[in-house]
Protein backbone atom coordinates (compact mmCIF):
# COMPACT_ATOMS: atom_id res chain seq x y z
CA MET A 1 -15.69 -63.51 -66.40
CA LYS A 2 -14.72 -61.94 -63.11
CA ARG A 3 -16.05 -63.50 -59.93
CA ARG A 4 -17.01 -61.85 -56.67
CA LYS A 5 -17.40 -63.02 -53.11
CA ILE A 6 -20.70 -61.30 -52.37
CA HIS A 7 -20.03 -61.10 -48.63
CA PRO A 8 -16.90 -61.85 -46.55
CA SER A 9 -18.61 -65.00 -45.24
CA GLY A 10 -20.73 -65.57 -48.35
CA PRO A 11 -20.44 -67.47 -51.63
CA GLU A 12 -18.41 -66.50 -54.68
CA PHE A 13 -20.58 -65.77 -57.72
CA SER A 14 -19.96 -64.72 -61.31
CA ARG A 15 -20.33 -60.94 -61.70
CA ILE A 16 -23.11 -61.50 -64.22
CA ILE A 17 -25.92 -63.91 -63.28
CA THR A 18 -28.36 -65.75 -65.53
CA GLY A 19 -31.98 -65.50 -64.40
CA ALA A 20 -34.57 -68.20 -65.15
CA TRP A 21 -37.82 -66.33 -64.53
CA ARG A 22 -38.88 -66.25 -68.20
CA TRP A 23 -38.03 -69.85 -69.05
CA GLN A 24 -41.42 -71.49 -68.54
CA ALA A 25 -42.20 -71.92 -72.26
CA LEU A 26 -38.79 -73.38 -73.14
CA SER A 27 -37.98 -76.97 -74.02
CA ASP A 28 -35.38 -78.95 -72.10
CA GLN A 29 -33.05 -78.49 -75.08
CA SER A 30 -33.46 -74.70 -74.98
CA VAL A 31 -32.82 -74.59 -71.23
CA ASP A 32 -29.71 -76.70 -71.72
CA ALA A 33 -28.54 -74.29 -74.45
CA LEU A 34 -28.94 -71.30 -72.11
CA ILE A 35 -27.02 -73.06 -69.35
CA GLN A 36 -24.21 -74.05 -71.72
CA GLU A 37 -24.03 -70.55 -73.23
CA SER A 38 -23.78 -69.10 -69.73
CA LEU A 39 -20.96 -71.43 -68.73
CA GLU A 40 -19.07 -70.85 -71.96
CA ASN A 41 -19.11 -67.12 -71.18
CA GLY A 42 -18.05 -67.50 -67.56
CA ILE A 43 -21.51 -67.15 -65.99
CA THR A 44 -21.81 -69.86 -63.34
CA THR A 45 -24.58 -68.44 -61.13
CA PHE A 46 -28.27 -69.04 -61.87
CA ASP A 47 -31.16 -67.21 -60.23
CA HIS A 48 -34.50 -68.93 -59.56
CA ALA A 49 -37.63 -68.57 -57.46
CA ASP A 50 -40.22 -71.17 -56.57
CA ILE A 51 -43.00 -69.14 -58.25
CA TYR A 52 -41.27 -68.49 -61.58
CA GLY A 53 -43.22 -69.70 -64.58
CA ASN A 54 -46.28 -70.65 -62.53
CA TYR A 55 -44.07 -72.81 -60.32
CA SER A 56 -42.43 -74.52 -63.30
CA CYS A 57 -39.01 -72.99 -64.06
CA GLU A 58 -37.08 -74.77 -61.31
CA ALA A 59 -38.25 -78.14 -62.60
CA LEU A 60 -37.20 -77.27 -66.17
CA PHE A 61 -33.72 -76.48 -64.91
CA GLY A 62 -33.76 -79.64 -62.83
CA ASN A 63 -34.48 -81.76 -65.89
CA VAL A 64 -31.13 -80.66 -67.30
CA LEU A 65 -29.29 -81.36 -64.05
CA LYS A 66 -30.91 -84.79 -63.84
CA ASN A 67 -29.52 -85.69 -67.26
CA GLN A 68 -26.16 -84.00 -66.63
CA PRO A 69 -25.46 -84.29 -62.89
CA SER A 70 -21.82 -83.24 -63.33
CA LEU A 71 -23.04 -79.70 -64.06
CA ARG A 72 -23.94 -79.18 -60.41
CA SER A 73 -20.30 -78.86 -59.30
CA ARG A 74 -19.74 -76.11 -61.89
CA ILE A 75 -22.62 -73.83 -60.93
CA GLU A 76 -24.18 -71.90 -58.06
CA LEU A 77 -27.94 -72.02 -57.53
CA VAL A 78 -29.95 -69.18 -56.02
CA THR A 79 -33.65 -69.52 -55.32
CA LYS A 80 -36.33 -67.59 -53.45
CA CYS A 81 -39.41 -68.33 -51.43
CA GLY A 82 -42.09 -66.50 -49.47
CA ILE A 83 -44.59 -65.46 -52.16
CA LYS A 84 -47.74 -67.54 -52.61
CA LEU A 85 -49.59 -66.95 -55.87
CA ARG A 86 -52.99 -68.20 -56.99
CA SER A 87 -52.36 -71.10 -59.33
CA ASP A 88 -53.93 -74.28 -60.61
CA LYS A 89 -50.97 -75.97 -58.95
CA LYS A 90 -51.82 -74.45 -55.56
CA PRO A 91 -55.57 -75.06 -55.01
CA LYS A 92 -55.44 -73.97 -51.36
CA THR A 93 -54.13 -70.51 -52.25
CA TRP A 94 -57.14 -68.30 -53.01
CA ILE A 95 -55.38 -64.92 -52.75
CA ASN A 96 -51.86 -63.76 -53.56
CA HIS A 97 -50.00 -63.28 -50.31
CA TYR A 98 -46.68 -63.59 -48.50
CA ASP A 99 -45.69 -66.38 -46.14
CA ASN A 100 -42.37 -66.28 -44.31
CA THR A 101 -43.36 -68.78 -41.63
CA SER A 102 -40.86 -71.46 -40.70
CA ASN A 103 -43.08 -74.23 -42.09
CA HIS A 104 -43.46 -72.55 -45.46
CA ILE A 105 -39.76 -71.70 -45.80
CA ILE A 106 -38.75 -75.29 -45.08
CA GLU A 107 -41.46 -76.75 -47.31
CA SER A 108 -40.44 -74.43 -50.13
CA VAL A 109 -36.79 -75.39 -49.83
CA ASN A 110 -37.65 -79.09 -49.92
CA ALA A 111 -39.78 -78.51 -53.04
CA SER A 112 -37.01 -76.49 -54.70
CA LEU A 113 -34.44 -79.19 -53.97
CA SER A 114 -36.75 -81.77 -55.55
CA ASN A 115 -37.49 -79.57 -58.57
CA LEU A 116 -33.87 -78.58 -59.15
CA LYS A 117 -32.62 -82.16 -58.70
CA THR A 118 -30.00 -81.13 -56.19
CA ASP A 119 -29.34 -81.77 -52.52
CA TYR A 120 -28.31 -78.22 -51.60
CA ILE A 121 -29.00 -74.61 -52.53
CA ASP A 122 -26.09 -72.18 -52.53
CA LEU A 123 -28.23 -69.16 -51.58
CA LEU A 124 -31.82 -68.91 -50.39
CA LEU A 125 -33.56 -65.52 -50.48
CA LEU A 126 -36.81 -64.39 -48.90
CA HIS A 127 -38.54 -63.03 -52.00
CA ARG A 128 -40.51 -60.15 -50.49
CA PRO A 129 -40.87 -58.59 -47.03
CA ASP A 130 -43.78 -60.22 -45.20
CA PRO A 131 -45.64 -57.77 -42.91
CA LEU A 132 -46.63 -60.74 -40.72
CA MET A 133 -43.08 -62.09 -40.50
CA ASP A 134 -41.83 -63.23 -37.10
CA PRO A 135 -38.05 -62.75 -37.45
CA ALA A 136 -37.32 -65.26 -34.68
CA GLU A 137 -39.27 -67.88 -36.63
CA VAL A 138 -37.34 -67.11 -39.80
CA ALA A 139 -34.08 -67.36 -37.87
CA GLU A 140 -35.03 -70.81 -36.64
CA ALA A 141 -35.93 -71.98 -40.15
CA PHE A 142 -32.59 -70.72 -41.43
CA ARG A 143 -30.77 -72.51 -38.58
CA LEU A 144 -32.44 -75.82 -39.35
CA LEU A 145 -31.81 -75.54 -43.09
CA LYS A 146 -28.15 -74.67 -42.54
CA GLN A 147 -27.72 -77.46 -40.01
CA SER A 148 -29.17 -80.00 -42.43
CA GLY A 149 -26.89 -78.85 -45.24
CA LYS A 150 -29.83 -78.03 -47.48
CA VAL A 151 -28.95 -74.31 -47.75
CA LEU A 152 -25.42 -72.87 -47.54
CA HIS A 153 -26.20 -69.14 -47.35
CA PHE A 154 -29.17 -66.85 -46.78
CA GLY A 155 -30.27 -63.42 -47.94
CA VAL A 156 -33.31 -61.35 -48.85
CA SER A 157 -34.88 -59.67 -51.85
CA ASN A 158 -36.63 -56.30 -52.14
CA TYR A 159 -35.98 -55.38 -48.50
CA THR A 160 -35.61 -51.82 -47.22
CA PRO A 161 -32.61 -51.03 -45.01
CA ALA A 162 -34.80 -51.15 -41.87
CA GLN A 163 -36.28 -54.51 -42.85
CA PHE A 164 -32.83 -55.88 -43.60
CA GLU A 165 -31.43 -54.72 -40.26
CA LEU A 166 -34.42 -56.15 -38.36
CA LEU A 167 -34.03 -59.63 -39.81
CA GLN A 168 -30.24 -59.58 -39.47
CA SER A 169 -30.59 -58.79 -35.76
CA TYR A 170 -32.36 -62.14 -35.29
CA VAL A 171 -30.46 -64.37 -37.74
CA HIS A 172 -27.26 -65.97 -36.44
CA ASP A 173 -25.52 -66.24 -39.82
CA LYS A 174 -24.88 -63.13 -41.86
CA LEU A 175 -27.37 -62.27 -44.58
CA VAL A 176 -25.14 -62.19 -47.64
CA THR A 177 -27.16 -60.12 -50.12
CA ASN A 178 -30.30 -58.16 -50.90
CA GLN A 179 -31.59 -58.74 -54.43
CA VAL A 180 -33.18 -55.47 -55.51
CA GLU A 181 -34.53 -53.76 -58.60
CA VAL A 182 -31.89 -51.31 -59.77
CA SER A 183 -30.95 -49.95 -63.17
CA LEU A 184 -30.13 -46.69 -64.89
CA PHE A 185 -33.88 -46.12 -65.14
CA TYR A 186 -34.62 -47.18 -61.57
CA TYR A 187 -31.67 -45.62 -59.77
CA HIS A 188 -33.42 -44.50 -56.57
CA LEU A 189 -31.94 -47.22 -54.35
CA ILE A 190 -28.47 -45.83 -55.02
CA PHE A 191 -29.53 -42.59 -53.35
CA ASP A 192 -32.03 -43.63 -50.66
CA GLY A 193 -29.67 -45.60 -48.41
CA THR A 194 -30.54 -49.10 -49.61
CA ILE A 195 -27.28 -49.71 -51.46
CA ASP A 196 -25.30 -47.76 -48.82
CA THR A 197 -26.60 -50.09 -46.10
CA LEU A 198 -25.43 -53.12 -48.06
CA MET A 199 -22.01 -51.57 -48.61
CA ARG A 200 -21.72 -50.94 -44.88
CA HIS A 201 -22.20 -54.66 -44.36
CA ARG A 202 -19.66 -55.41 -47.16
CA ILE A 203 -22.48 -56.91 -49.23
CA SER A 204 -22.70 -56.97 -53.02
CA PRO A 205 -26.31 -56.42 -54.16
CA MET A 206 -27.90 -58.63 -56.79
CA ALA A 207 -29.62 -56.39 -59.36
CA TRP A 208 -32.83 -57.59 -61.01
CA SER A 209 -34.26 -55.89 -64.09
CA PRO A 210 -30.86 -54.26 -64.78
CA LEU A 211 -32.02 -53.00 -68.19
CA GLY A 212 -35.07 -51.27 -66.75
CA GLY A 213 -37.47 -53.99 -67.84
CA GLY A 214 -36.56 -53.40 -71.48
CA LYS A 215 -39.04 -50.55 -71.79
CA TYR A 216 -36.50 -48.31 -73.49
CA PHE A 217 -36.07 -50.93 -76.20
CA SER A 218 -39.74 -51.46 -77.02
CA GLN A 219 -41.36 -49.44 -79.75
CA SER A 220 -44.38 -48.53 -77.60
CA ASP A 221 -42.42 -47.12 -74.63
CA ARG A 222 -39.32 -45.81 -76.35
CA ASP A 223 -38.26 -42.21 -75.72
CA GLU A 224 -36.51 -41.35 -78.98
CA GLY A 225 -34.31 -38.67 -77.37
CA VAL A 226 -33.14 -40.98 -74.63
CA GLN A 227 -32.57 -43.78 -77.11
CA ALA A 228 -30.50 -41.54 -79.40
CA SER A 229 -28.32 -40.39 -76.48
CA LEU A 230 -27.75 -43.97 -75.34
CA GLU A 231 -26.89 -45.10 -78.85
CA GLU A 232 -24.43 -42.23 -79.27
CA MET A 233 -22.54 -43.16 -76.12
CA ALA A 234 -22.68 -46.87 -76.92
CA ALA A 235 -21.09 -46.14 -80.29
CA ARG A 236 -18.21 -44.36 -78.55
CA TYR A 237 -17.60 -47.42 -76.38
CA GLU A 238 -18.10 -49.78 -79.34
CA CYS A 239 -20.76 -51.72 -77.46
CA SER A 240 -24.51 -52.22 -77.48
CA VAL A 241 -26.91 -50.12 -75.42
CA SER A 242 -27.65 -53.19 -73.29
CA GLN A 243 -23.97 -53.59 -72.51
CA LEU A 244 -23.71 -49.90 -71.67
CA LEU A 245 -26.59 -50.17 -69.18
CA LEU A 246 -24.96 -53.17 -67.54
CA ALA A 247 -21.61 -51.36 -67.40
CA TRP A 248 -23.32 -48.48 -65.57
CA LEU A 249 -24.28 -50.89 -62.78
CA LEU A 250 -20.98 -52.77 -62.82
CA THR A 251 -19.09 -49.49 -62.33
CA HIS A 252 -20.75 -48.82 -58.98
CA PRO A 253 -18.41 -49.51 -56.00
CA SER A 254 -20.97 -51.80 -54.34
CA HIS A 255 -19.92 -54.44 -56.91
CA MET A 256 -23.47 -55.16 -58.07
CA LEU A 257 -24.26 -58.46 -59.75
CA PRO A 258 -26.76 -57.86 -62.60
CA ILE A 259 -29.20 -60.67 -63.40
CA LEU A 260 -29.87 -61.29 -67.09
CA GLY A 261 -33.51 -62.28 -67.60
CA THR A 262 -33.44 -63.61 -71.13
CA THR A 263 -34.41 -66.66 -73.18
CA LYS A 264 -31.89 -65.93 -75.94
CA PRO A 265 -28.35 -67.33 -75.87
CA GLU A 266 -27.03 -64.37 -77.84
CA ARG A 267 -28.23 -62.00 -75.10
CA ILE A 268 -26.25 -63.98 -72.54
CA ARG A 269 -23.16 -63.80 -74.73
CA GLU A 270 -23.66 -60.07 -75.21
CA GLY A 271 -24.30 -59.40 -71.52
CA ALA A 272 -21.23 -61.30 -70.37
CA LYS A 273 -18.98 -59.02 -72.41
CA ALA A 274 -20.24 -55.94 -70.53
CA ILE A 275 -17.78 -56.79 -67.78
CA GLU A 276 -14.97 -55.64 -70.10
CA ILE A 277 -16.26 -52.07 -70.43
CA GLN A 278 -14.36 -49.45 -68.43
CA LEU A 279 -16.87 -46.63 -68.04
CA ASP A 280 -15.48 -43.14 -67.51
CA ARG A 281 -16.70 -41.40 -64.32
CA GLN A 282 -18.13 -38.44 -66.24
CA ASP A 283 -19.90 -40.76 -68.64
CA TRP A 284 -21.46 -42.51 -65.63
CA PHE A 285 -22.98 -39.18 -64.60
CA ALA A 286 -23.86 -38.38 -68.21
CA LEU A 287 -25.92 -41.59 -68.33
CA LEU A 288 -27.58 -40.61 -65.07
CA ARG A 289 -28.47 -37.25 -66.63
CA ILE A 290 -30.03 -39.05 -69.60
CA ALA A 291 -32.25 -41.02 -67.24
CA ARG A 292 -33.09 -38.14 -64.87
CA GLY A 293 -33.42 -35.42 -67.46
CA ARG A 294 -31.12 -33.10 -65.52
CA ASP A 295 -27.65 -32.82 -64.05
CA VAL A 296 -26.89 -33.56 -60.43
CA ASP A 297 -26.83 -30.43 -58.25
C-alpha cells in the first residue's frame, strides 16, 4: 500500500483509509477483524467521528485498542467533531445542530480520547461548517489541543473553498485536509474549485462515499446501462467495478485518499488492491462520460 503525506507539514496516511461509520452493530471480534484485515493490506489510517453509530463507534474501536495497546503505534486515527445530534445519550440536545465553539471542540476531543483509549489523535476535523462559528475561537481551541499534545494535526470536512480560506486565515497551524464527498457519481467538486483550492495549498483531500453511496450497486437504484458500461470497462482492467471507481479517484493529481465505509473484511481487501490499477487517461474521461451522460465539451 502506498502512503501519502497529505500536506507538507501534515501526517503521512495510507492512500486508502478504513472508515468506521457503519460499525455500530459489530461485535468487538468483528471490529478487530476489520482492523487486522486493514493492516494486513497496508491500510493504517482509520476514520471516525464522535457521532458515528449514535455516538458508539469510537468506543467499539477503543475496546480493541484497550486489549491490544501495541496497535496504536501502527495506526493513524482521524476523528471529527462539531455536529450535535438528538440522541438518548445526549438528553440536553433537543434539535440537530452544529457547535464549533471552543468548549465543545475541547470536550469532544476529551470524549474521543476516552472512547478510543488513546492519549492523542493524529488528525481532528471539524465535521461540518457552522454558520455561527467564530474562527478566532476555533483557532484558540486548536492551539490549546496542540499545546497539550492531544491533537497532532487539524483539518475540516465538507467545507467550501471560501470557508476553508476563512478558517485558515485565523488558525496558526496549517489545515492539512478537507474531507469531502467525491466520487465518479458526485464529481462536481473536481470542477467547482473545491479540489483546486486544496491542490493550491498542496493538500490531499480525503474522499468520503467514494463509491457514490453504493446506489449503483443496489437493485432499486441501479441504472442498467451505466452498470453494463462499468462492468465492461472493469473486465478490461481485470478488476471489480468498486475497484474501478476507486481507481478513478486515485488517478486524480490531487492524490485523493478514498475512505472505505464497509463492515466486510473482503471489501477492505478488494479496495486496497485498487491502488495497483493504472487507469488510462481516456478511460478516465470515458468513466466521466458514463456518469454525466455526455462527453466533455
